[in-house]
Amino acid sequence: MELIASALPRDGMLDPLPGLRLARASHPTPPVSAIFQPALCFVAQGGKQALLGREIFHYNPGNYLLYTIDLPLTAQVIEATPERPYLGFRLHLDPALVTAVLLEYESETLRREERMRAVDVSPIEADLLDTAVRLIRLTTNPVALQLLGPLITREIIFRLLESGQGGRLGFLRSAGRETRRISLAIERLRTNFNQPLRIEDLARELGMSVSGFHHHFKSVTLLSPLQFQKQLRLQEARRLMLSEGLDAASAGFRVGYEDPAYFSRDYKKLFGAPPQRDIARLRLNS
């Protein structure tokens, strides 16, 4: 906790190493929706939550959030005060590094846990916590961080495997046939999110039945393919309005909505306010 506080004496974020982000906040933050790449997230003080569909993942100093596929998450600091600010960090999980460790780590655990979903909150075990603290301690020495940071990151992956996260980390390798298919489906949805989604065609391309594809997709992402696509569309529309100044109708049309009223209704469901009001609030907070 003291290590992050000293690295970040004021609210904000710091990236001392590629893929490692420290964060501090003295107050609860507005929800931030984005497509988050696979990561391990720790909280040293305070509390945070991530929303995926209708499921909320709370995590605090006693546990951590791990997700191993690109997901449309809404993240928010929920416990923070000036006296006890939120302190935490996120470590990006590089698929190549995870795959290299997995290839060296042969265990029945990986086979037994092959059907785990790709995101969850888990209790922090002592060995994993010790490794994470050693990585953060290196932030006080930039040379040591550059030299030893990648080695400790590798050890963190090993500690995750030892704590039973092999099945979840396996999504980064996409070793199993079903996992490869779902990974391909997610990539297809991300690339063509503004195009009409025909579940039958996508399932056929992947060599799966419609019911089987729907079941496996939801077991991994906690969302149906249509829900996943909808969140991709709405988050991109929000970015277009905030960054490029598009109005709601234009942004909705750009991401694949033909009916502005339908777009506004879906937008309000996800972000809690109609497009115009939500964007005005975000600009005010920034």
C-alpha atoms as a PDB file:
ATOM      1  CA  MET A   1       0.000   0.000   0.000  1.00  0.00           C
ATOM      2  CA  GLU A   2       2.733   2.479   0.998  1.00  0.00           C
ATOM      3  CA  LEU A   3       4.650   1.644  -2.184  1.00  0.00           C
ATOM      4  CA  ILE A   4       1.806   2.715  -4.460  1.00  0.00           C
ATOM      5  CA  ALA A   5       1.051   5.766  -2.306  1.00  0.00           C
ATOM      6  CA  SER A   6       4.642   6.951  -2.533  1.00  0.00           C
ATOM      7  CA  ALA A   7       4.787   6.347  -6.302  1.00  0.00           C
ATOM      8  CA  LEU A   8       1.509   8.276  -6.693  1.00  0.00           C
ATOM      9  CA  PRO A   9       1.363  11.106  -4.123  1.00  0.00           C
ATOM     10  CA  ARG A  10      -1.664  12.569  -5.951  1.00  0.00           C
ATOM     11  CA  ASP A  11      -4.688  11.087  -7.705  1.00  0.00           C
ATOM     12  CA  GLY A  12      -3.978   9.696 -11.135  1.00  0.00           C
ATOM     13  CA  MET A  13      -2.308   6.833 -12.937  1.00  0.00           C
ATOM     14  CA  LEU A  14       1.281   5.822 -13.563  1.00  0.00           C
ATOM     15  CA  ASP A  15       2.733   3.266 -15.999  1.00  0.00           C
ATOM     16  CA  PRO A  16       6.194   2.470 -14.606  1.00  0.00           C
ATOM     17  CA  LEU A  17       6.562  -0.535 -16.926  1.00  0.00           C
ATOM     18  CA  PRO A  18       4.771  -1.426 -20.181  1.00  0.00           C
ATOM     19  CA  GLY A  19       1.690  -3.356 -19.136  1.00  0.00           C
ATOM     20  CA  LEU A  20       1.820  -2.262 -15.478  1.00  0.00           C
ATOM     21  CA  ARG A  21      -0.487   0.554 -14.347  1.00  0.00           C
ATOM     22  CA  LEU A  22      -0.708   1.999 -10.825  1.00  0.00           C
ATOM     23  CA  ALA A  23      -3.773   4.019  -9.830  1.00  0.00           C
ATOM     24  CA  ARG A  24      -4.857   6.305  -6.996  1.00  0.00           C
ATOM     25  CA  ALA A  25      -8.230   7.981  -6.321  1.00  0.00           C
ATOM     26  CA  SER A  26      -9.362   9.975  -3.301  1.00  0.00           C
ATOM     27  CA  HIS A  27     -13.059   9.649  -4.151  1.00  0.00           C
ATOM     28  CA  PRO A  28     -15.300   7.088  -5.844  1.00  0.00           C
ATOM     29  CA  THR A  29     -15.024   7.481  -9.600  1.00  0.00           C
ATOM     30  CA  PRO A  30     -17.636   7.543 -12.375  1.00  0.00           C
ATOM     31  CA  PRO A  31     -18.051   4.259 -14.261  1.00  0.00           C
ATOM     32  CA  VAL A  32     -15.595   3.784 -17.122  1.00  0.00           C
ATOM     33  CA  SER A  33     -16.727   1.486 -19.937  1.00  0.00           C
ATOM     34  CA  ALA A  34     -14.237   0.094 -22.412  1.00  0.00           C
ATOM     35  CA  ILE A  35     -12.933  -3.060 -24.008  1.00  0.00           C
ATOM     36  CA  PHE A  36     -10.350  -4.209 -21.479  1.00  0.00           C
ATOM     37  CA  GLN A  37      -7.517  -6.497 -22.525  1.00  0.00           C
ATOM     38  CA  PRO A  38      -6.632  -9.535 -20.366  1.00  0.00           C
ATOM     39  CA  ALA A  39      -5.279  -8.441 -17.005  1.00  0.00           C
ATOM     40  CA  LEU A  40      -4.742  -9.183 -13.340  1.00  0.00           C
ATOM     41  CA  CYS A  41      -6.142  -6.446 -11.069  1.00  0.00           C
ATOM     42  CA  PHE A  42      -5.185  -5.885  -7.421  1.00  0.00           C
ATOM     43  CA  VAL A  43      -6.517  -3.455  -4.828  1.00  0.00           C
ATOM     44  CA  ALA A  44      -4.100  -2.410  -2.057  1.00  0.00           C
ATOM     45  CA  GLN A  45      -6.592  -0.078  -0.353  1.00  0.00           C
ATOM     46  CA  GLY A  46     -10.228   0.789  -0.950  1.00  0.00           C
ATOM     47  CA  GLY A  47     -12.547  -1.091  -3.258  1.00  0.00           C
ATOM     48  CA  LYS A  48     -13.421  -1.408  -6.910  1.00  0.00           C
ATOM     49  CA  GLN A  49     -15.978  -3.173  -9.041  1.00  0.00           C
ATOM     50  CA  ALA A  50     -16.311  -4.332 -12.629  1.00  0.00           C
ATOM     51  CA  LEU A  51     -19.636  -4.842 -14.356  1.00  0.00           C
ATOM     52  CA  LEU A  52     -20.068  -7.373 -17.160  1.00  0.00           C
ATOM     53  CA  GLY A  53     -23.602  -7.644 -18.421  1.00  0.00           C
ATOM     54  CA  ARG A  54     -25.654  -7.886 -15.235  1.00  0.00           C
ATOM     55  CA  GLU A  55     -22.938  -9.494 -13.122  1.00  0.00           C
ATOM     56  CA  ILE A  56     -20.920  -7.331 -10.738  1.00  0.00           C
ATOM     57  CA  PHE A  57     -17.423  -8.321  -9.625  1.00  0.00           C
ATOM     58  CA  HIS A  58     -16.367  -6.621  -6.364  1.00  0.00           C
ATOM     59  CA  TYR A  59     -12.721  -6.766  -5.341  1.00  0.00           C
ATOM     60  CA  ASN A  60     -10.702  -5.283  -2.484  1.00  0.00           C
ATOM     61  CA  PRO A  61      -7.422  -5.983  -0.658  1.00  0.00           C
ATOM     62  CA  GLY A  62      -8.509  -9.551   0.096  1.00  0.00           C
ATOM     63  CA  ASN A  63      -8.997 -10.690  -3.484  1.00  0.00           C
ATOM     64  CA  TYR A  64      -8.184  -9.944  -7.114  1.00  0.00           C
ATOM     65  CA  LEU A  65      -9.921  -9.761 -10.470  1.00  0.00           C
ATOM     66  CA  LEU A  66      -8.595 -11.872 -13.337  1.00  0.00           C
ATOM     67  CA  TYR A  67      -9.942 -11.828 -16.892  1.00  0.00           C
ATOM     68  CA  THR A  68      -8.249 -13.578 -19.793  1.00  0.00           C
ATOM     69  CA  ILE A  69     -10.120 -12.470 -22.909  1.00  0.00           C
ATOM     70  CA  ASP A  70     -10.975  -9.003 -24.220  1.00  0.00           C
ATOM     71  CA  LEU A  71     -14.180  -8.014 -22.437  1.00  0.00           C
ATOM     72  CA  PRO A  72     -16.560  -5.026 -22.546  1.00  0.00           C
ATOM     73  CA  LEU A  73     -16.321  -4.125 -18.856  1.00  0.00           C
ATOM     74  CA  THR A  74     -17.535  -1.131 -16.879  1.00  0.00           C
ATOM     75  CA  ALA A  75     -15.034  -0.392 -14.083  1.00  0.00           C
ATOM     76  CA  GLN A  76     -15.505   1.906 -11.097  1.00  0.00           C
ATOM     77  CA  VAL A  77     -13.754   2.762  -7.829  1.00  0.00           C
ATOM     78  CA  ILE A  78     -16.450   2.449  -5.146  1.00  0.00           C
ATOM     79  CA  GLU A  79     -14.465   2.837  -1.882  1.00  0.00           C
ATOM     80  CA  ALA A  80     -12.120   5.815  -1.553  1.00  0.00           C
ATOM     81  CA  THR A  81     -11.692   8.844   0.711  1.00  0.00           C
ATOM     82  CA  PRO A  82      -9.009  11.544   0.981  1.00  0.00           C
ATOM     83  CA  GLU A  83      -7.870   9.925   4.243  1.00  0.00           C
ATOM     84  CA  ARG A  84      -7.899   6.393   2.762  1.00  0.00           C
ATOM     85  CA  PRO A  85      -7.590   6.722  -1.026  1.00  0.00           C
ATOM     86  CA  TYR A  86      -8.111   3.877  -3.404  1.00  0.00           C
ATOM     87  CA  LEU A  87      -4.761   2.336  -4.356  1.00  0.00           C
ATOM     88  CA  GLY A  88      -4.430  -0.434  -6.893  1.00  0.00           C
ATOM     89  CA  PHE A  89      -2.690  -1.741  -9.960  1.00  0.00           C
ATOM     90  CA  ARG A  90      -3.436  -3.607 -13.151  1.00  0.00           C
ATOM     91  CA  LEU A  91      -1.004  -5.979 -14.849  1.00  0.00           C
ATOM     92  CA  HIS A  92      -1.616  -6.723 -18.516  1.00  0.00           C
ATOM     93  CA  LEU A  93      -1.307 -10.422 -19.336  1.00  0.00           C
ATOM     94  CA  ASP A  94       0.619 -10.825 -22.574  1.00  0.00           C
ATOM     95  CA  PRO A  95      -0.649 -13.944 -24.418  1.00  0.00           C
ATOM     96  CA  ALA A  96       2.827 -14.860 -25.668  1.00  0.00           C
ATOM     97  CA  LEU A  97       4.293 -14.795 -22.153  1.00  0.00           C
ATOM     98  CA  VAL A  98       1.366 -16.688 -20.651  1.00  0.00           C
ATOM     99  CA  THR A  99       1.610 -19.296 -23.412  1.00  0.00           C
ATOM    100  CA  ALA A 100       5.340 -19.748 -22.779  1.00  0.00           C
ATOM    101  CA  VAL A 101       4.734 -20.364 -19.061  1.00  0.00           C
ATOM    102  CA  LEU A 102       1.822 -22.692 -19.781  1.00  0.00           C
ATOM    103  CA  LEU A 103       3.972 -24.793 -22.116  1.00  0.00           C
ATOM    104  CA  GLU A 104       6.488 -25.281 -19.315  1.00  0.00           C
ATOM    105  CA  TYR A 105       3.831 -25.945 -16.696  1.00  0.00           C
ATOM    106  CA  GLU A 106       2.382 -29.379 -17.365  1.00  0.00           C
ATOM    107  CA  SER A 107      -0.280 -30.332 -14.839  1.00  0.00           C
ATOM    108  CA  GLU A 108      -3.511 -32.234 -14.486  1.00  0.00           C
ATOM    109  CA  THR A 109      -4.925 -28.974 -13.139  1.00  0.00           C
ATOM    110  CA  LEU A 110      -4.965 -27.444 -16.610  1.00  0.00           C
ATOM    111  CA  ARG A 111      -6.992 -30.329 -18.004  1.00  0.00           C
ATOM    112  CA  ARG A 112      -9.410 -30.445 -15.071  1.00  0.00           C
ATOM    113  CA  GLU A 113     -10.140 -26.703 -15.262  1.00  0.00           C
ATOM    114  CA  GLU A 114     -10.484 -26.442 -19.020  1.00  0.00           C
ATOM    115  CA  ARG A 115     -14.139 -25.337 -18.832  1.00  0.00           C
ATOM    116  CA  MET A 116     -13.663 -22.365 -16.453  1.00  0.00           C
ATOM    117  CA  ARG A 117     -15.168 -19.054 -17.446  1.00  0.00           C
ATOM    118  CA  ALA A 118     -12.716 -16.347 -18.492  1.00  0.00           C
ATOM    119  CA  VAL A 119     -13.390 -13.833 -15.679  1.00  0.00           C
ATOM    120  CA  ASP A 120     -13.771 -14.058 -11.909  1.00  0.00           C
ATOM    121  CA  VAL A 121     -12.717 -12.686  -8.524  1.00  0.00           C
ATOM    122  CA  SER A 122     -10.548 -14.964  -6.357  1.00  0.00           C
ATOM    123  CA  PRO A 123      -8.955 -14.781  -2.893  1.00  0.00           C
ATOM    124  CA  ILE A 124      -5.309 -13.695  -2.840  1.00  0.00           C
ATOM    125  CA  GLU A 125      -2.945 -16.404  -1.680  1.00  0.00           C
ATOM    126  CA  ALA A 126       0.209 -15.533   0.245  1.00  0.00           C
ATOM    127  CA  ASP A 127       2.710 -16.513  -2.486  1.00  0.00           C
ATOM    128  CA  LEU A 128       0.877 -14.517  -5.146  1.00  0.00           C
ATOM    129  CA  LEU A 129       0.618 -11.483  -2.862  1.00  0.00           C
ATOM    130  CA  ASP A 130       4.330 -11.665  -2.041  1.00  0.00           C
ATOM    131  CA  THR A 131       5.226 -11.748  -5.751  1.00  0.00           C
ATOM    132  CA  ALA A 132       2.960  -8.795  -6.517  1.00  0.00           C
ATOM    133  CA  VAL A 133       4.493  -6.752  -3.676  1.00  0.00           C
ATOM    134  CA  ARG A 134       7.981  -7.472  -4.998  1.00  0.00           C
ATOM    135  CA  LEU A 135       6.955  -6.216  -8.433  1.00  0.00           C
ATOM    136  CA  ILE A 136       5.556  -2.966  -7.013  1.00  0.00           C
ATOM    137  CA  ARG A 137       8.648  -2.520  -4.814  1.00  0.00           C
ATOM    138  CA  LEU A 138      10.748  -2.449  -7.987  1.00  0.00           C
ATOM    139  CA  THR A 139       8.968   0.734  -9.117  1.00  0.00           C
ATOM    140  CA  THR A 140      11.318   2.684  -6.828  1.00  0.00           C
ATOM    141  CA  ASN A 141      14.278   1.507  -8.917  1.00  0.00           C
ATOM    142  CA  PRO A 142      13.692   2.001 -12.679  1.00  0.00           C
ATOM    143  CA  VAL A 143      16.782   0.017 -13.696  1.00  0.00           C
ATOM    144  CA  ALA A 144      15.838  -2.958 -11.533  1.00  0.00           C
ATOM    145  CA  LEU A 145      12.253  -2.714 -12.782  1.00  0.00           C
ATOM    146  CA  GLN A 146      13.344  -2.943 -16.407  1.00  0.00           C
ATOM    147  CA  LEU A 147      15.649  -5.893 -15.700  1.00  0.00           C
ATOM    148  CA  LEU A 148      13.654  -7.851 -13.148  1.00  0.00           C
ATOM    149  CA  GLY A 149      10.083  -6.769 -13.873  1.00  0.00           C
ATOM    150  CA  PRO A 150       9.565  -9.276 -16.721  1.00  0.00           C
ATOM    151  CA  LEU A 151      10.947 -12.085 -14.534  1.00  0.00           C
ATOM    152  CA  ILE A 152       8.590 -11.278 -11.683  1.00  0.00           C
ATOM    153  CA  THR A 153       5.689 -10.975 -14.131  1.00  0.00           C
ATOM    154  CA  ARG A 154       6.528 -14.495 -15.258  1.00  0.00           C
ATOM    155  CA  GLU A 155       6.538 -15.619 -11.624  1.00  0.00           C
ATOM    156  CA  ILE A 156       3.111 -14.021 -11.111  1.00  0.00           C
ATOM    157  CA  ILE A 157       1.747 -16.154 -13.952  1.00  0.00           C
ATOM    158  CA  PHE A 158       3.300 -19.218 -12.314  1.00  0.00           C
ATOM    159  CA  ARG A 159       1.695 -18.301  -8.957  1.00  0.00           C
ATOM    160  CA  LEU A 160      -1.668 -17.965 -10.686  1.00  0.00           C
ATOM    161  CA  LEU A 161      -1.241 -21.432 -12.137  1.00  0.00           C
ATOM    162  CA  GLU A 162      -0.317 -22.801  -8.722  1.00  0.00           C
ATOM    163  CA  SER A 163      -3.432 -21.226  -7.220  1.00  0.00           C
ATOM    164  CA  GLY A 164      -5.734 -23.025  -9.648  1.00  0.00           C
ATOM    165  CA  GLN A 165      -6.088 -20.465 -12.441  1.00  0.00           C
ATOM    166  CA  GLY A 166      -4.740 -22.733 -15.170  1.00  0.00           C
ATOM    167  CA  GLY A 167      -8.062 -23.181 -16.897  1.00  0.00           C
ATOM    168  CA  ARG A 168      -8.691 -19.437 -16.936  1.00  0.00           C
ATOM    169  CA  LEU A 169      -5.199 -18.603 -18.215  1.00  0.00           C
ATOM    170  CA  GLY A 170      -5.695 -21.258 -20.879  1.00  0.00           C
ATOM    171  CA  PHE A 171      -7.975 -18.855 -22.768  1.00  0.00           C
ATOM    172  CA  LEU A 172      -4.881 -16.799 -23.592  1.00  0.00           C
ATOM    173  CA  ARG A 173      -3.356 -19.833 -25.265  1.00  0.00           C
ATOM    174  CA  SER A 174      -6.596 -20.888 -26.964  1.00  0.00           C
ATOM    175  CA  ALA A 175      -5.422 -24.473 -26.792  1.00  0.00           C
ATOM    176  CA  GLY A 176      -8.736 -26.301 -26.718  1.00  0.00           C
ATOM    177  CA  ARG A 177     -10.924 -26.572 -29.802  1.00  0.00           C
ATOM    178  CA  GLU A 178     -13.945 -24.950 -28.160  1.00  0.00           C
ATOM    179  CA  THR A 179     -11.768 -22.174 -26.735  1.00  0.00           C
ATOM    180  CA  ARG A 180     -10.276 -21.468 -30.167  1.00  0.00           C
ATOM    181  CA  ARG A 181     -13.739 -21.238 -31.649  1.00  0.00           C
ATOM    182  CA  ILE A 182     -14.985 -18.786 -29.028  1.00  0.00           C
ATOM    183  CA  SER A 183     -11.796 -16.708 -29.385  1.00  0.00           C
ATOM    184  CA  LEU A 184     -12.398 -16.537 -33.138  1.00  0.00           C
ATOM    185  CA  ALA A 185     -16.012 -15.539 -32.551  1.00  0.00           C
ATOM    186  CA  ILE A 186     -14.965 -12.724 -30.192  1.00  0.00           C
ATOM    187  CA  GLU A 187     -12.420 -11.452 -32.702  1.00  0.00           C
ATOM    188  CA  ARG A 188     -15.048 -11.584 -35.456  1.00  0.00           C
ATOM    189  CA  LEU A 189     -17.505  -9.624 -33.319  1.00  0.00           C
ATOM    190  CA  ARG A 190     -14.893  -7.008 -32.420  1.00  0.00           C
ATOM    191  CA  THR A 191     -13.886  -6.536 -36.050  1.00  0.00           C
ATOM    192  CA  ASN A 192     -17.427  -6.418 -37.468  1.00  0.00           C
ATOM    193  CA  PHE A 193     -19.416  -5.072 -34.525  1.00  0.00           C
ATOM    194  CA  ASN A 194     -21.277  -2.574 -36.742  1.00  0.00           C
ATOM    195  CA  GLN A 195     -22.522  -5.284 -39.094  1.00  0.00           C
ATOM    196  CA  PRO A 196     -25.727  -7.311 -38.630  1.00  0.00           C
ATOM    197  CA  LEU A 197     -25.077 -10.402 -36.515  1.00  0.00           C
ATOM    198  CA  ARG A 198     -26.361 -13.682 -37.923  1.00  0.00           C
ATOM    199  CA  ILE A 199     -25.814 -16.276 -35.223  1.00  0.00           C
ATOM    200  CA  GLU A 200     -26.593 -19.147 -37.599  1.00  0.00           C
ATOM    201  CA  ASP A 201     -23.931 -18.066 -40.094  1.00  0.00           C
ATOM    202  CA  LEU A 202     -21.289 -17.480 -37.407  1.00  0.00           C
ATOM    203  CA  ALA A 203     -21.981 -20.820 -35.716  1.00  0.00           C
ATOM    204  CA  ARG A 204     -21.783 -22.609 -39.065  1.00  0.00           C
ATOM    205  CA  GLU A 205     -18.452 -20.950 -39.902  1.00  0.00           C
ATOM    206  CA  LEU A 206     -17.089 -22.165 -36.576  1.00  0.00           C
ATOM    207  CA  GLY A 207     -18.411 -25.676 -37.074  1.00  0.00           C
ATOM    208  CA  MET A 208     -20.804 -25.491 -34.137  1.00  0.00           C
ATOM    209  CA  SER A 209     -24.525 -25.834 -33.656  1.00  0.00           C
ATOM    210  CA  VAL A 210     -26.397 -22.625 -32.839  1.00  0.00           C
ATOM    211  CA  SER A 211     -27.301 -23.859 -29.350  1.00  0.00           C
ATOM    212  CA  GLY A 212     -23.770 -25.129 -28.699  1.00  0.00           C
ATOM    213  CA  PHE A 213     -22.185 -21.885 -29.865  1.00  0.00           C
ATOM    214  CA  HIS A 214     -24.541 -19.791 -27.733  1.00  0.00           C
ATOM    215  CA  HIS A 215     -23.927 -21.973 -24.662  1.00  0.00           C
ATOM    216  CA  HIS A 216     -20.127 -21.965 -24.929  1.00  0.00           C
ATOM    217  CA  PHE A 217     -19.927 -18.254 -25.742  1.00  0.00           C
ATOM    218  CA  LYS A 218     -21.971 -17.339 -22.688  1.00  0.00           C
ATOM    219  CA  SER A 219     -20.086 -19.745 -20.419  1.00  0.00           C
ATOM    220  CA  VAL A 220     -16.849 -17.930 -21.317  1.00  0.00           C
ATOM    221  CA  THR A 221     -17.957 -14.289 -21.518  1.00  0.00           C
ATOM    222  CA  LEU A 222     -21.115 -14.326 -19.322  1.00  0.00           C
ATOM    223  CA  LEU A 223     -22.878 -12.577 -22.237  1.00  0.00           C
ATOM    224  CA  SER A 224     -24.799 -13.869 -25.211  1.00  0.00           C
ATOM    225  CA  PRO A 225     -23.245 -13.042 -28.624  1.00  0.00           C
ATOM    226  CA  LEU A 226     -25.938 -10.392 -29.195  1.00  0.00           C
ATOM    227  CA  GLN A 227     -25.323  -8.822 -25.769  1.00  0.00           C
ATOM    228  CA  PHE A 228     -21.576  -8.823 -26.424  1.00  0.00           C
ATOM    229  CA  GLN A 229     -22.054  -7.104 -29.788  1.00  0.00           C
ATOM    230  CA  LYS A 230     -24.458  -4.576 -28.279  1.00  0.00           C
ATOM    231  CA  GLN A 231     -21.949  -3.549 -25.611  1.00  0.00           C
ATOM    232  CA  LEU A 232     -19.218  -3.185 -28.250  1.00  0.00           C
ATOM    233  CA  ARG A 233     -21.502  -0.943 -30.290  1.00  0.00           C
ATOM    234  CA  LEU A 234     -22.589   1.241 -27.388  1.00  0.00           C
ATOM    235  CA  GLN A 235     -19.081   1.739 -26.049  1.00  0.00           C
ATOM    236  CA  GLU A 236     -17.810   2.720 -29.490  1.00  0.00           C
ATOM    237  CA  ALA A 237     -20.731   5.121 -29.913  1.00  0.00           C
ATOM    238  CA  ARG A 238     -19.884   6.707 -26.571  1.00  0.00           C
ATOM    239  CA  ARG A 239     -16.273   7.152 -27.704  1.00  0.00           C
ATOM    240  CA  LEU A 240     -17.397   8.743 -30.985  1.00  0.00           C
ATOM    241  CA  MET A 241     -19.625  11.254 -29.199  1.00  0.00           C
ATOM    242  CA  LEU A 242     -17.018  12.078 -26.561  1.00  0.00           C
ATOM    243  CA  SER A 243     -13.908  12.185 -28.755  1.00  0.00           C
ATOM    244  CA  GLU A 244     -15.205  13.137 -32.206  1.00  0.00           C
ATOM    245  CA  GLY A 245     -18.202  15.253 -31.267  1.00  0.00           C
ATOM    246  CA  LEU A 246     -20.812  13.178 -33.107  1.00  0.00           C
ATOM    247  CA  ASP A 247     -24.447  13.589 -32.127  1.00  0.00           C
ATOM    248  CA  ALA A 248     -26.370  10.595 -30.802  1.00  0.00           C
ATOM    249  CA  ALA A 249     -28.140   9.750 -34.060  1.00  0.00           C
ATOM    250  CA  SER A 250     -24.906   9.860 -36.097  1.00  0.00           C
ATOM    251  CA  ALA A 251     -22.955   7.819 -33.549  1.00  0.00           C
ATOM    252  CA  GLY A 252     -25.722   5.239 -33.342  1.00  0.00           C
ATOM    253  CA  PHE A 253     -25.871   4.918 -37.115  1.00  0.00           C
ATOM    254  CA  ARG A 254     -22.069   4.619 -37.329  1.00  0.00           C
ATOM    255  CA  VAL A 255     -22.041   1.609 -34.999  1.00  0.00           C
ATOM    256  CA  GLY A 256     -24.933  -0.195 -36.657  1.00  0.00           C
ATOM    257  CA  TYR A 257     -28.164   1.188 -35.186  1.00  0.00           C
ATOM    258  CA  GLU A 258     -30.825   2.163 -37.710  1.00  0.00           C
ATOM    259  CA  ASP A 259     -33.374   3.456 -35.176  1.00  0.00           C
ATOM    260  CA  PRO A 260     -32.200   6.427 -33.019  1.00  0.00           C
ATOM    261  CA  ALA A 261     -34.891   5.738 -30.400  1.00  0.00           C
ATOM    262  CA  TYR A 262     -33.750   2.130 -30.054  1.00  0.00           C
ATOM    263  CA  PHE A 263     -30.143   3.307 -29.767  1.00  0.00           C
ATOM    264  CA  SER A 264     -31.004   5.821 -27.026  1.00  0.00           C
ATOM    265  CA  ARG A 265     -32.951   3.191 -25.101  1.00  0.00           C
ATOM    266  CA  ASP A 266     -30.076   0.680 -25.188  1.00  0.00           C
ATOM    267  CA  TYR A 267     -27.584   3.424 -24.345  1.00  0.00           C
ATOM    268  CA  LYS A 268     -29.520   4.471 -21.251  1.00  0.00           C
ATOM    269  CA  LYS A 269     -29.765   0.850 -20.092  1.00  0.00           C
ATOM    270  CA  LEU A 270     -25.989   0.428 -20.229  1.00  0.00           C
ATOM    271  CA  PHE A 271     -24.752   3.828 -19.067  1.00  0.00           C
ATOM    272  CA  GLY A 272     -27.619   4.940 -16.848  1.00  0.00           C
ATOM    273  CA  ALA A 273     -28.494   8.124 -18.764  1.00  0.00           C
ATOM    274  CA  PRO A 274     -29.526   9.166 -22.298  1.00  0.00           C
ATOM    275  CA  PRO A 275     -26.606   9.892 -24.667  1.00  0.00           C
ATOM    276  CA  GLN A 276     -26.687  13.695 -24.476  1.00  0.00           C
ATOM    277  CA  ARG A 277     -26.877  13.800 -20.681  1.00  0.00           C
ATOM    278  CA  ASP A 278     -24.222  11.095 -20.251  1.00  0.00           C
ATOM    279  CA  ILE A 279     -21.716  12.825 -22.559  1.00  0.00           C
ATOM    280  CA  ALA A 280     -22.310  16.184 -20.843  1.00  0.00           C
ATOM    281  CA  ARG A 281     -21.609  14.554 -17.469  1.00  0.00           C
ATOM    282  CA  LEU A 282     -18.427  12.902 -18.734  1.00  0.00           C
ATOM    283  CA  ARG A 283     -17.124  16.187 -20.144  1.00  0.00           C
ATOM    284  CA  LEU A 284     -17.911  17.981 -16.903  1.00  0.00           C
ATOM    285  CA  ASN A 285     -16.091  15.342 -14.827  1.00  0.00           C
ATOM    286  CA  SER A 286     -13.053  15.451 -17.107  1.00  0.00           C
END
